[in-house]
Amino acid sequence: MAEGNYQVVLCERGIRTFAQHTRNTLDLAAIPSVRRISHLPVVVDPSHGTGRNFMVAPLARAGVAVGADGLIIEVHDQPEHALSDGAQALTLDQYEEMVTEVRSIHEVIATATVG
């Protein structure tokens, strides 16, 4: 931004820890913390942040609930045949279900902050 590029988005993709149950540890507390001190949009990448398909939707829902401005979700029609990151990709049906869920959460959050 100091050089004139104002098209900046911050992304929480997780931090490397000693935990073995995920690729990284997704720090959802960072979202409201950063939003408090910055005007920049913050997105959450639960696909990269966990590396595990079954964790993507729950952490996407949580990310939206804590105020993320957007999500980065890996999707593949056949994750088992993906050339990379298949273990963290949602199927099309899983993605559609997740989108419905996060939209509902977003609507509740938006209504609560307006009303």
PDB file of N, CA and C in Angstrom:
ATOM      1  N   MET A   1       0.826  -1.180   0.000  1.00  0.00           N
ATOM      2  CA  MET A   1       0.000   0.000   0.000  1.00  0.00           C
ATOM      3  C   MET A   1       0.874   1.248   0.000  1.00  0.00           C
ATOM      4  N   ALA A   2       2.045   1.161   0.617  1.00  0.00           N
ATOM      5  CA  ALA A   2       2.949   2.307   0.649  1.00  0.00           C
ATOM      6  C   ALA A   2       3.413   2.691  -0.750  1.00  0.00           C
ATOM      7  N   GLU A   3       3.333   1.739  -1.682  1.00  0.00           N
ATOM      8  CA  GLU A   3       3.765   1.988  -3.057  1.00  0.00           C
ATOM      9  C   GLU A   3       2.593   2.274  -3.983  1.00  0.00           C
ATOM     10  N   GLY A   4       1.379   2.394  -3.424  1.00  0.00           N
ATOM     11  CA  GLY A   4       0.240   2.791  -4.231  1.00  0.00           C
ATOM     12  C   GLY A   4      -0.747   1.693  -4.575  1.00  0.00           C
ATOM     13  N   ASN A   5      -0.495   0.454  -4.182  1.00  0.00           N
ATOM     14  CA  ASN A   5      -1.446  -0.620  -4.451  1.00  0.00           C
ATOM     15  C   ASN A   5      -2.396  -0.724  -3.258  1.00  0.00           C
ATOM     16  N   TYR A   6      -3.632  -0.318  -3.470  1.00  0.00           N
ATOM     17  CA  TYR A   6      -4.614  -0.346  -2.394  1.00  0.00           C
ATOM     18  C   TYR A   6      -5.550  -1.546  -2.506  1.00  0.00           C
ATOM     19  N   GLN A   7      -5.284  -2.426  -3.442  1.00  0.00           N
ATOM     20  CA  GLN A   7      -6.097  -3.629  -3.605  1.00  0.00           C
ATOM     21  C   GLN A   7      -5.474  -4.756  -2.781  1.00  0.00           C
ATOM     22  N   VAL A   8      -5.608  -4.643  -1.472  1.00  0.00           N
ATOM     23  CA  VAL A   8      -4.990  -5.576  -0.535  1.00  0.00           C
ATOM     24  C   VAL A   8      -6.084  -6.271   0.262  1.00  0.00           C
ATOM     25  N   VAL A   9      -5.955  -7.579   0.377  1.00  0.00           N
ATOM     26  CA  VAL A   9      -6.852  -8.390   1.184  1.00  0.00           C
ATOM     27  C   VAL A   9      -5.975  -9.227   2.107  1.00  0.00           C
ATOM     28  N   LEU A  10      -6.346  -9.312   3.360  1.00  0.00           N
ATOM     29  CA  LEU A  10      -5.616 -10.139   4.310  1.00  0.00           C
ATOM     30  C   LEU A  10      -6.251 -11.526   4.340  1.00  0.00           C
ATOM     31  N   CYS A  11      -5.432 -12.545   4.538  1.00  0.00           N
ATOM     32  CA  CYS A  11      -5.929 -13.912   4.507  1.00  0.00           C
ATOM     33  C   CYS A  11      -5.373 -14.714   5.673  1.00  0.00           C
ATOM     34  N   GLU A  12      -6.271 -15.301   6.448  1.00  0.00           N
ATOM     35  CA  GLU A  12      -5.875 -16.222   7.513  1.00  0.00           C
ATOM     36  C   GLU A  12      -5.857 -17.623   6.918  1.00  0.00           C
ATOM     37  N   ARG A  13      -4.656 -18.210   6.833  1.00  0.00           N
ATOM     38  CA  ARG A  13      -4.484 -19.547   6.248  1.00  0.00           C
ATOM     39  C   ARG A  13      -3.945 -20.536   7.266  1.00  0.00           C
ATOM     40  N   GLY A  14      -3.812 -20.105   8.493  1.00  0.00           N
ATOM     41  CA  GLY A  14      -3.299 -20.982   9.524  1.00  0.00           C
ATOM     42  C   GLY A  14      -1.824 -20.746   9.787  1.00  0.00           C
ATOM     43  N   ILE A  15      -1.396 -21.178  10.939  1.00  0.00           N
ATOM     44  CA  ILE A  15       0.002 -21.077  11.336  1.00  0.00           C
ATOM     45  C   ILE A  15       0.542 -22.475  11.614  1.00  0.00           C
ATOM     46  N   ARG A  16       1.801 -22.644  11.392  1.00  0.00           N
ATOM     47  CA  ARG A  16       2.428 -23.954  11.609  1.00  0.00           C
ATOM     48  C   ARG A  16       2.625 -24.160  13.097  1.00  0.00           C
ATOM     49  N   THR A  17       2.101 -25.269  13.611  1.00  0.00           N
ATOM     50  CA  THR A  17       2.273 -25.631  15.014  1.00  0.00           C
ATOM     51  C   THR A  17       2.743 -27.071  15.085  1.00  0.00           C
ATOM     52  N   PHE A  18       2.817 -27.591  16.271  1.00  0.00           N
ATOM     53  CA  PHE A  18       3.216 -28.984  16.451  1.00  0.00           C
ATOM     54  C   PHE A  18       2.021 -29.933  16.413  1.00  0.00           C
ATOM     55  N   ALA A  19       0.829 -29.402  16.211  1.00  0.00           N
ATOM     56  CA  ALA A  19      -0.372 -30.232  16.145  1.00  0.00           C
ATOM     57  C   ALA A  19      -0.275 -31.189  14.959  1.00  0.00           C
ATOM     58  N   GLN A  20      -0.728 -32.395  15.154  1.00  0.00           N
ATOM     59  CA  GLN A  20      -0.672 -33.406  14.105  1.00  0.00           C
ATOM     60  C   GLN A  20      -2.014 -33.640  13.421  1.00  0.00           C
ATOM     61  N   HIS A  21      -3.081 -33.091  13.981  1.00  0.00           N
ATOM     62  CA  HIS A  21      -4.412 -33.362  13.439  1.00  0.00           C
ATOM     63  C   HIS A  21      -4.777 -32.486  12.246  1.00  0.00           C
ATOM     64  N   THR A  22      -3.972 -31.459  11.969  1.00  0.00           N
ATOM     65  CA  THR A  22      -4.206 -30.595  10.825  1.00  0.00           C
ATOM     66  C   THR A  22      -2.870 -30.193  10.216  1.00  0.00           C
ATOM     67  N   ARG A  23      -2.915 -29.687   9.000  1.00  0.00           N
ATOM     68  CA  ARG A  23      -1.701 -29.161   8.359  1.00  0.00           C
ATOM     69  C   ARG A  23      -1.198 -27.950   9.123  1.00  0.00           C
ATOM     70  N   ASN A  24      -2.104 -27.007   9.360  1.00  0.00           N
ATOM     71  CA  ASN A  24      -1.810 -25.787  10.111  1.00  0.00           C
ATOM     72  C   ASN A  24      -2.887 -25.620  11.170  1.00  0.00           C
ATOM     73  N   THR A  25      -2.701 -24.658  12.046  1.00  0.00           N
ATOM     74  CA  THR A  25      -3.721 -24.320  13.030  1.00  0.00           C
ATOM     75  C   THR A  25      -4.354 -23.009  12.590  1.00  0.00           C
ATOM     76  N   LEU A  26      -5.628 -23.074  12.250  1.00  0.00           N
ATOM     77  CA  LEU A  26      -6.352 -21.901  11.782  1.00  0.00           C
ATOM     78  C   LEU A  26      -6.670 -21.019  12.982  1.00  0.00           C
ATOM     79  N   ASP A  27      -6.181 -19.793  12.977  1.00  0.00           N
ATOM     80  CA  ASP A  27      -6.347 -18.870  14.100  1.00  0.00           C
ATOM     81  C   ASP A  27      -7.539 -17.956  13.841  1.00  0.00           C
ATOM     82  N   LEU A  28      -8.725 -18.410  14.204  1.00  0.00           N
ATOM     83  CA  LEU A  28      -9.928 -17.626  13.962  1.00  0.00           C
ATOM     84  C   LEU A  28     -10.011 -16.392  14.856  1.00  0.00           C
ATOM     85  N   ALA A  29      -9.286 -16.378  15.953  1.00  0.00           N
ATOM     86  CA  ALA A  29      -9.253 -15.188  16.810  1.00  0.00           C
ATOM     87  C   ALA A  29      -8.583 -14.021  16.092  1.00  0.00           C
ATOM     88  N   ALA A  30      -7.791 -14.314  15.084  1.00  0.00           N
ATOM     89  CA  ALA A  30      -7.120 -13.251  14.336  1.00  0.00           C
ATOM     90  C   ALA A  30      -8.118 -12.397  13.548  1.00  0.00           C
ATOM     91  N   ILE A  31      -9.239 -12.960  13.137  1.00  0.00           N
ATOM     92  CA  ILE A  31     -10.173 -12.231  12.282  1.00  0.00           C
ATOM     93  C   ILE A  31     -10.764 -11.016  13.014  1.00  0.00           C
ATOM     94  N   PRO A  32     -11.422 -11.184  14.158  1.00  0.00           N
ATOM     95  CA  PRO A  32     -11.940  -9.982  14.824  1.00  0.00           C
ATOM     96  C   PRO A  32     -10.826  -9.062  15.317  1.00  0.00           C
ATOM     97  N   SER A  33      -9.687  -9.621  15.660  1.00  0.00           N
ATOM     98  CA  SER A  33      -8.563  -8.790  16.107  1.00  0.00           C
ATOM     99  C   SER A  33      -8.076  -7.883  14.987  1.00  0.00           C
ATOM    100  N   VAL A  34      -7.878  -8.452  13.809  1.00  0.00           N
ATOM    101  CA  VAL A  34      -7.399  -7.663  12.674  1.00  0.00           C
ATOM    102  C   VAL A  34      -8.461  -6.688  12.206  1.00  0.00           C
ATOM    103  N   ARG A  35      -9.699  -7.102  12.197  1.00  0.00           N
ATOM    104  CA  ARG A  35     -10.782  -6.197  11.767  1.00  0.00           C
ATOM    105  C   ARG A  35     -10.888  -4.983  12.679  1.00  0.00           C
ATOM    106  N   ARG A  36     -10.515  -5.161  13.933  1.00  0.00           N
ATOM    107  CA  ARG A  36     -10.570  -4.053  14.890  1.00  0.00           C
ATOM    108  C   ARG A  36      -9.517  -2.985  14.602  1.00  0.00           C
ATOM    109  N   ILE A  37      -8.371  -3.401  14.057  1.00  0.00           N
ATOM    110  CA  ILE A  37      -7.269  -2.457  13.862  1.00  0.00           C
ATOM    111  C   ILE A  37      -7.025  -2.091  12.399  1.00  0.00           C
ATOM    112  N   SER A  38      -7.751  -2.722  11.484  1.00  0.00           N
ATOM    113  CA  SER A  38      -7.499  -2.489  10.069  1.00  0.00           C
ATOM    114  C   SER A  38      -8.797  -2.288   9.300  1.00  0.00           C
ATOM    115  N   HIS A  39      -8.709  -1.512   8.242  1.00  0.00           N
ATOM    116  CA  HIS A  39      -9.858  -1.322   7.354  1.00  0.00           C
ATOM    117  C   HIS A  39      -9.872  -2.355   6.227  1.00  0.00           C
ATOM    118  N   LEU A  40      -8.844  -3.163   6.142  1.00  0.00           N
ATOM    119  CA  LEU A  40      -8.713  -4.115   5.041  1.00  0.00           C
ATOM    120  C   LEU A  40      -9.643  -5.315   5.214  1.00  0.00           C
ATOM    121  N   PRO A  41     -10.155  -5.850   4.115  1.00  0.00           N
ATOM    122  CA  PRO A  41     -10.966  -7.062   4.204  1.00  0.00           C
ATOM    123  C   PRO A  41     -10.105  -8.256   4.630  1.00  0.00           C
ATOM    124  N   VAL A  42     -10.744  -9.169   5.366  1.00  0.00           N
ATOM    125  CA  VAL A  42     -10.057 -10.364   5.856  1.00  0.00           C
ATOM    126  C   VAL A  42     -10.823 -11.584   5.365  1.00  0.00           C
ATOM    127  N   VAL A  43     -10.126 -12.496   4.699  1.00  0.00           N
ATOM    128  CA  VAL A  43     -10.733 -13.748   4.256  1.00  0.00           C
ATOM    129  C   VAL A  43     -10.080 -14.907   5.002  1.00  0.00           C
ATOM    130  N   VAL A  44     -10.792 -16.019   5.052  1.00  0.00           N
ATOM    131  CA  VAL A  44     -10.310 -17.225   5.723  1.00  0.00           C
ATOM    132  C   VAL A  44     -10.176 -18.333   4.692  1.00  0.00           C
ATOM    133  N   ASP A  45      -9.085 -19.071   4.777  1.00  0.00           N
ATOM    134  CA  ASP A  45      -8.840 -20.205   3.890  1.00  0.00           C
ATOM    135  C   ASP A  45      -8.808 -21.484   4.723  1.00  0.00           C
ATOM    136  N   PRO A  46      -9.990 -22.056   5.027  1.00  0.00           N
ATOM    137  CA  PRO A  46      -9.998 -23.271   5.837  1.00  0.00           C
ATOM    138  C   PRO A  46      -9.488 -24.500   5.089  1.00  0.00           C
ATOM    139  N   SER A  47      -9.448 -24.436   3.773  1.00  0.00           N
ATOM    140  CA  SER A  47      -8.902 -25.561   3.003  1.00  0.00           C
ATOM    141  C   SER A  47      -7.412 -25.706   3.285  1.00  0.00           C
ATOM    142  N   HIS A  48      -6.668 -24.627   3.072  1.00  0.00           N
ATOM    143  CA  HIS A  48      -5.224 -24.647   3.324  1.00  0.00           C
ATOM    144  C   HIS A  48      -4.946 -24.698   4.826  1.00  0.00           C
ATOM    145  N   GLY A  49      -5.772 -24.005   5.583  1.00  0.00           N
ATOM    146  CA  GLY A  49      -5.547 -23.915   7.018  1.00  0.00           C
ATOM    147  C   GLY A  49      -5.620 -25.235   7.744  1.00  0.00           C
ATOM    148  N   THR A  50      -6.342 -26.196   7.184  1.00  0.00           N
ATOM    149  CA  THR A  50      -6.468 -27.501   7.849  1.00  0.00           C
ATOM    150  C   THR A  50      -5.872 -28.635   7.027  1.00  0.00           C
ATOM    151  N   GLY A  51      -5.994 -28.538   5.712  1.00  0.00           N
ATOM    152  CA  GLY A  51      -5.516 -29.614   4.854  1.00  0.00           C
ATOM    153  C   GLY A  51      -6.398 -30.843   4.874  1.00  0.00           C
ATOM    154  N   ARG A  52      -7.571 -30.735   5.495  1.00  0.00           N
ATOM    155  CA  ARG A  52      -8.452 -31.895   5.640  1.00  0.00           C
ATOM    156  C   ARG A  52      -9.895 -31.535   5.267  1.00  0.00           C
ATOM    157  N   ASN A  53     -10.427 -32.275   4.350  1.00  0.00           N
ATOM    158  CA  ASN A  53     -11.757 -32.030   3.802  1.00  0.00           C
ATOM    159  C   ASN A  53     -12.834 -31.897   4.874  1.00  0.00           C
ATOM    160  N   PHE A  54     -12.846 -32.791   5.846  1.00  0.00           N
ATOM    161  CA  PHE A  54     -13.936 -32.808   6.819  1.00  0.00           C
ATOM    162  C   PHE A  54     -13.927 -31.605   7.759  1.00  0.00           C
ATOM    163  N   MET A  55     -12.838 -30.858   7.779  1.00  0.00           N
ATOM    164  CA  MET A  55     -12.754 -29.677   8.643  1.00  0.00           C
ATOM    165  C   MET A  55     -13.098 -28.380   7.912  1.00  0.00           C
ATOM    166  N   VAL A  56     -13.154 -28.406   6.604  1.00  0.00           N
ATOM    167  CA  VAL A  56     -13.319 -27.179   5.828  1.00  0.00           C
ATOM    168  C   VAL A  56     -14.646 -26.492   6.116  1.00  0.00           C
ATOM    169  N   ALA A  57     -15.757 -27.183   5.993  1.00  0.00           N
ATOM    170  CA  ALA A  57     -17.070 -26.549   6.195  1.00  0.00           C
ATOM    171  C   ALA A  57     -17.250 -26.028   7.625  1.00  0.00           C
ATOM    172  N   PRO A  58     -16.931 -26.806   8.668  1.00  0.00           N
ATOM    173  CA  PRO A  58     -17.098 -26.263  10.020  1.00  0.00           C
ATOM    174  C   PRO A  58     -16.255 -25.008  10.268  1.00  0.00           C
ATOM    175  N   LEU A  59     -15.037 -24.985   9.761  1.00  0.00           N
ATOM    176  CA  LEU A  59     -14.188 -23.817   9.979  1.00  0.00           C
ATOM    177  C   LEU A  59     -14.582 -22.660   9.068  1.00  0.00           C
ATOM    178  N   ALA A  60     -15.159 -22.944   7.920  1.00  0.00           N
ATOM    179  CA  ALA A  60     -15.708 -21.876   7.083  1.00  0.00           C
ATOM    180  C   ALA A  60     -16.880 -21.221   7.804  1.00  0.00           C
ATOM    181  N   ARG A  61     -17.753 -22.034   8.392  1.00  0.00           N
ATOM    182  CA  ARG A  61     -18.882 -21.494   9.158  1.00  0.00           C
ATOM    183  C   ARG A  61     -18.380 -20.642  10.320  1.00  0.00           C
ATOM    184  N   ALA A  62     -17.384 -21.140  11.016  1.00  0.00           N
ATOM    185  CA  ALA A  62     -16.822 -20.397  12.154  1.00  0.00           C
ATOM    186  C   ALA A  62     -16.174 -19.099  11.687  1.00  0.00           C
ATOM    187  N   GLY A  63     -15.483 -19.140  10.557  1.00  0.00           N
ATOM    188  CA  GLY A  63     -14.847 -17.940  10.026  1.00  0.00           C
ATOM    189  C   GLY A  63     -15.854 -16.849   9.719  1.00  0.00           C
ATOM    190  N   VAL A  64     -16.951 -17.233   9.105  1.00  0.00           N
ATOM    191  CA  VAL A  64     -18.003 -16.261   8.808  1.00  0.00           C
ATOM    192  C   VAL A  64     -18.620 -15.747  10.112  1.00  0.00           C
ATOM    193  N   ALA A  65     -18.807 -16.629  11.073  1.00  0.00           N
ATOM    194  CA  ALA A  65     -19.406 -16.233  12.344  1.00  0.00           C
ATOM    195  C   ALA A  65     -18.550 -15.223  13.101  1.00  0.00           C
ATOM    196  N   VAL A  66     -17.223 -15.285  12.949  1.00  0.00           N
ATOM    197  CA  VAL A  66     -16.356 -14.328  13.653  1.00  0.00           C
ATOM    198  C   VAL A  66     -16.069 -13.090  12.825  1.00  0.00           C
ATOM    199  N   GLY A  67     -16.660 -12.993  11.630  1.00  0.00           N
ATOM    200  CA  GLY A  67     -16.580 -11.749  10.877  1.00  0.00           C
ATOM    201  C   GLY A  67     -15.731 -11.740   9.627  1.00  0.00           C
ATOM    202  N   ALA A  68     -15.336 -12.884   9.103  1.00  0.00           N
ATOM    203  CA  ALA A  68     -14.564 -12.898   7.855  1.00  0.00           C
ATOM    204  C   ALA A  68     -15.375 -12.268   6.732  1.00  0.00           C
ATOM    205  N   ASP A  69     -14.673 -11.566   5.868  1.00  0.00           N
ATOM    206  CA  ASP A  69     -15.311 -10.921   4.723  1.00  0.00           C
ATOM    207  C   ASP A  69     -15.476 -11.876   3.549  1.00  0.00           C
ATOM    208  N   GLY A  70     -14.792 -12.988   3.579  1.00  0.00           N
ATOM    209  CA  GLY A  70     -14.876 -13.949   2.490  1.00  0.00           C
ATOM    210  C   GLY A  70     -14.152 -15.225   2.845  1.00  0.00           C
ATOM    211  N   LEU A  71     -14.262 -16.201   1.950  1.00  0.00           N
ATOM    212  CA  LEU A  71     -13.658 -17.513   2.144  1.00  0.00           C
ATOM    213  C   LEU A  71     -12.917 -17.931   0.889  1.00  0.00           C
ATOM    214  N   ILE A  72     -11.872 -18.687   1.064  1.00  0.00           N
ATOM    215  CA  ILE A  72     -11.190 -19.351  -0.044  1.00  0.00           C
ATOM    216  C   ILE A  72     -11.386 -20.842   0.188  1.00  0.00           C
ATOM    217  N   ILE A  73     -12.088 -21.483  -0.730  1.00  0.00           N
ATOM    218  CA  ILE A  73     -12.436 -22.889  -0.580  1.00  0.00           C
ATOM    219  C   ILE A  73     -11.973 -23.652  -1.809  1.00  0.00           C
ATOM    220  N   GLU A  74     -11.252 -24.729  -1.593  1.00  0.00           N
ATOM    221  CA  GLU A  74     -10.856 -25.573  -2.716  1.00  0.00           C
ATOM    222  C   GLU A  74     -11.964 -26.573  -3.011  1.00  0.00           C
ATOM    223  N   VAL A  75     -12.313 -26.668  -4.286  1.00  0.00           N
ATOM    224  CA  VAL A  75     -13.399 -27.537  -4.731  1.00  0.00           C
ATOM    225  C   VAL A  75     -12.907 -28.339  -5.929  1.00  0.00           C
ATOM    226  N   HIS A  76     -13.288 -29.595  -5.974  1.00  0.00           N
ATOM    227  CA  HIS A  76     -12.916 -30.449  -7.108  1.00  0.00           C
ATOM    228  C   HIS A  76     -14.038 -31.454  -7.324  1.00  0.00           C
ATOM    229  N   ASP A  77     -14.374 -31.722  -8.578  1.00  0.00           N
ATOM    230  CA  ASP A  77     -15.455 -32.677  -8.842  1.00  0.00           C
ATOM    231  C   ASP A  77     -15.070 -34.102  -8.460  1.00  0.00           C
ATOM    232  N   GLN A  78     -13.776 -34.399  -8.409  1.00  0.00           N
ATOM    233  CA  GLN A  78     -13.283 -35.703  -7.965  1.00  0.00           C
ATOM    234  C   GLN A  78     -11.994 -35.484  -7.152  1.00  0.00           C
ATOM    235  N   PRO A  79     -12.123 -35.084  -5.889  1.00  0.00           N
ATOM    236  CA  PRO A  79     -10.929 -34.777  -5.096  1.00  0.00           C
ATOM    237  C   PRO A  79      -9.908 -35.902  -5.054  1.00  0.00           C
ATOM    238  N   GLU A  80     -10.363 -37.125  -5.107  1.00  0.00           N
ATOM    239  CA  GLU A  80      -9.428 -38.259  -5.058  1.00  0.00           C
ATOM    240  C   GLU A  80      -8.538 -38.333  -6.297  1.00  0.00           C
ATOM    241  N   HIS A  81      -8.910 -37.613  -7.359  1.00  0.00           N
ATOM    242  CA  HIS A  81      -8.107 -37.582  -8.588  1.00  0.00           C
ATOM    243  C   HIS A  81      -7.428 -36.232  -8.809  1.00  0.00           C
ATOM    244  N   ALA A  82      -7.537 -35.338  -7.843  1.00  0.00           N
ATOM    245  CA  ALA A  82      -6.936 -34.011  -7.980  1.00  0.00           C
ATOM    246  C   ALA A  82      -5.416 -34.134  -8.065  1.00  0.00           C
ATOM    247  N   LEU A  83      -4.811 -33.300  -8.889  1.00  0.00           N
ATOM    248  CA  LEU A  83      -3.355 -33.322  -9.033  1.00  0.00           C
ATOM    249  C   LEU A  83      -2.653 -32.775  -7.797  1.00  0.00           C
ATOM    250  N   SER A  84      -3.346 -31.923  -7.048  1.00  0.00           N
ATOM    251  CA  SER A  84      -2.781 -31.439  -5.787  1.00  0.00           C
ATOM    252  C   SER A  84      -3.908 -31.100  -4.827  1.00  0.00           C
ATOM    253  N   ASP A  85      -3.646 -31.218  -3.564  1.00  0.00           N
ATOM    254  CA  ASP A  85      -4.536 -30.800  -2.485  1.00  0.00           C
ATOM    255  C   ASP A  85      -5.916 -31.459  -2.501  1.00  0.00           C
ATOM    256  N   GLY A  86      -6.013 -32.639  -3.032  1.00  0.00           N
ATOM    257  CA  GLY A  86      -7.298 -33.339  -3.043  1.00  0.00           C
ATOM    258  C   GLY A  86      -7.837 -33.619  -1.650  1.00  0.00           C
ATOM    259  N   ALA A  87      -6.949 -33.823  -0.692  1.00  0.00           N
ATOM    260  CA  ALA A  87      -7.377 -34.136   0.674  1.00  0.00           C
ATOM    261  C   ALA A  87      -8.121 -32.988   1.336  1.00  0.00           C
ATOM    262  N   GLN A  88      -7.931 -31.785   0.833  1.00  0.00           N
ATOM    263  CA  GLN A  88      -8.586 -30.626   1.439  1.00  0.00           C
ATOM    264  C   GLN A  88      -9.700 -30.054   0.569  1.00  0.00           C
ATOM    265  N   ALA A  89      -9.953 -30.650  -0.572  1.00  0.00           N
ATOM    266  CA  ALA A  89     -10.963 -30.133  -1.496  1.00  0.00           C
ATOM    267  C   ALA A  89     -12.345 -30.677  -1.153  1.00  0.00           C
ATOM    268  N   LEU A  90     -13.343 -29.818  -1.273  1.00  0.00           N
ATOM    269  CA  LEU A  90     -14.728 -30.242  -1.133  1.00  0.00           C
ATOM    270  C   LEU A  90     -15.229 -30.745  -2.474  1.00  0.00           C
ATOM    271  N   THR A  91     -16.170 -31.667  -2.426  1.00  0.00           N
ATOM    272  CA  THR A  91     -16.861 -32.048  -3.644  1.00  0.00           C
ATOM    273  C   THR A  91     -17.847 -30.929  -3.982  1.00  0.00           C
ATOM    274  N   LEU A  92     -18.415 -30.967  -5.165  1.00  0.00           N
ATOM    275  CA  LEU A  92     -19.377 -29.943  -5.560  1.00  0.00           C
ATOM    276  C   LEU A  92     -20.595 -29.935  -4.632  1.00  0.00           C
ATOM    277  N   ASP A  93     -21.076 -31.120  -4.254  1.00  0.00           N
ATOM    278  CA  ASP A  93     -22.226 -31.198  -3.349  1.00  0.00           C
ATOM    279  C   ASP A  93     -21.880 -30.650  -1.965  1.00  0.00           C
ATOM    280  N   GLN A  94     -20.693 -30.981  -1.474  1.00  0.00           N
ATOM    281  CA  GLN A  94     -20.271 -30.454  -0.174  1.00  0.00           C
ATOM    282  C   GLN A  94     -20.144 -28.934  -0.222  1.00  0.00           C
ATOM    283  N   TYR A  95     -19.626 -28.439  -1.322  1.00  0.00           N
ATOM    284  CA  TYR A  95     -19.479 -26.993  -1.473  1.00  0.00           C
ATOM    285  C   TYR A  95     -20.839 -26.303  -1.475  1.00  0.00           C
ATOM    286  N   GLU A  96     -21.775 -26.846  -2.222  1.00  0.00           N
ATOM    287  CA  GLU A  96     -23.111 -26.256  -2.288  1.00  0.00           C
ATOM    288  C   GLU A  96     -23.760 -26.218  -0.908  1.00  0.00           C
ATOM    289  N   GLU A  97     -23.629 -27.292  -0.147  1.00  0.00           N
ATOM    290  CA  GLU A  97     -24.179 -27.331   1.207  1.00  0.00           C
ATOM    291  C   GLU A  97     -23.492 -26.296   2.109  1.00  0.00           C
ATOM    292  N   MET A  98     -22.163 -26.197   2.002  1.00  0.00           N
ATOM    293  CA  MET A  98     -21.417 -25.241   2.810  1.00  0.00           C
ATOM    294  C   MET A  98     -21.824 -23.809   2.490  1.00  0.00           C
ATOM    295  N   VAL A  99     -22.005 -23.497   1.209  1.00  0.00           N
ATOM    296  CA  VAL A  99     -22.409 -22.144   0.812  1.00  0.00           C
ATOM    297  C   VAL A  99     -23.761 -21.789   1.432  1.00  0.00           C
ATOM    298  N   THR A 100     -24.688 -22.705   1.400  1.00  0.00           N
ATOM    299  CA  THR A 100     -25.999 -22.466   2.010  1.00  0.00           C
ATOM    300  C   THR A 100     -25.848 -22.174   3.502  1.00  0.00           C
ATOM    301  N   GLU A 101     -25.010 -22.953   4.171  1.00  0.00           N
ATOM    302  CA  GLU A 101     -24.812 -22.770   5.614  1.00  0.00           C
ATOM    303  C   GLU A 101     -24.151 -21.429   5.924  1.00  0.00           C
ATOM    304  N   VAL A 102     -23.093 -21.093   5.210  1.00  0.00           N
ATOM    305  CA  VAL A 102     -22.388 -19.841   5.536  1.00  0.00           C
ATOM    306  C   VAL A 102     -23.225 -18.613   5.163  1.00  0.00           C
ATOM    307  N   ARG A 103     -24.035 -18.715   4.136  1.00  0.00           N
ATOM    308  CA  ARG A 103     -24.929 -17.597   3.812  1.00  0.00           C
ATOM    309  C   ARG A 103     -25.932 -17.367   4.935  1.00  0.00           C
ATOM    310  N   SER A 104     -26.443 -18.450   5.486  1.00  0.00           N
ATOM    311  CA  SER A 104     -27.391 -18.323   6.600  1.00  0.00           C
ATOM    312  C   SER A 104     -26.720 -17.673   7.807  1.00  0.00           C
ATOM    313  N   ILE A 105     -25.514 -18.088   8.109  1.00  0.00           N
ATOM    314  CA  ILE A 105     -24.776 -17.504   9.235  1.00  0.00           C
ATOM    315  C   ILE A 105     -24.498 -16.037   8.958  1.00  0.00           C
ATOM    316  N   HIS A 106     -24.085 -15.719   7.744  1.00  0.00           N
ATOM    317  CA  HIS A 106     -23.799 -14.334   7.392  1.00  0.00           C
ATOM    318  C   HIS A 106     -25.038 -13.457   7.557  1.00  0.00           C
ATOM    319  N   GLU A 107     -26.189 -13.958   7.147  1.00  0.00           N
ATOM    320  CA  GLU A 107     -27.433 -13.189   7.282  1.00  0.00           C
ATOM    321  C   GLU A 107     -27.753 -12.905   8.749  1.00  0.00           C
ATOM    322  N   VAL A 108     -27.561 -13.893   9.608  1.00  0.00           N
ATOM    323  CA  VAL A 108     -27.809 -13.706  11.026  1.00  0.00           C
ATOM    324  C   VAL A 108     -26.854 -12.666  11.602  1.00  0.00           C
ATOM    325  N   ILE A 109     -25.584 -12.766  11.256  1.00  0.00           N
ATOM    326  CA  ILE A 109     -24.573 -11.819  11.756  1.00  0.00           C
ATOM    327  C   ILE A 109     -24.877 -10.415  11.247  1.00  0.00           C
ATOM    328  N   ALA A 110     -25.204 -10.289   9.971  1.00  0.00           N
ATOM    329  CA  ALA A 110     -25.492  -8.978   9.391  1.00  0.00           C
ATOM    330  C   ALA A 110     -26.716  -8.346  10.037  1.00  0.00           C
ATOM    331  N   THR A 111     -27.724  -9.145  10.300  1.00  0.00           N
ATOM    332  CA  THR A 111     -28.945  -8.643  10.940  1.00  0.00           C
ATOM    333  C   THR A 111     -28.638  -8.210  12.380  1.00  0.00           C
ATOM    334  N   ALA A 112     -27.822  -8.974  13.070  1.00  0.00           N
ATOM    335  CA  ALA A 112     -27.486  -8.660  14.468  1.00  0.00           C
ATOM    336  C   ALA A 112     -26.685  -7.366  14.579  1.00  0.00           C
ATOM    337  N   THR A 113     -25.823  -7.101  13.610  1.00  0.00           N
ATOM    338  CA  THR A 113     -24.996  -5.891  13.682  1.00  0.00           C
ATOM    339  C   THR A 113     -25.762  -4.653  13.242  1.00  0.00           C
ATOM    340  N   VAL A 114     -26.770  -4.821  12.394  1.00  0.00           N
ATOM    341  CA  VAL A 114     -27.584  -3.685  11.935  1.00  0.00           C
ATOM    342  C   VAL A 114     -28.646  -3.355  12.976  1.00  0.00           C
ATOM    343  N   GLY A 115     -29.298  -4.406  13.500  1.00  0.00           N
ATOM    344  CA  GLY A 115     -30.419  -4.210  14.396  1.00  0.00           C
ATOM    345  C   GLY A 115     -29.968  -4.044  15.764  1.00  0.00           C
TER     346      GLY A 115
END
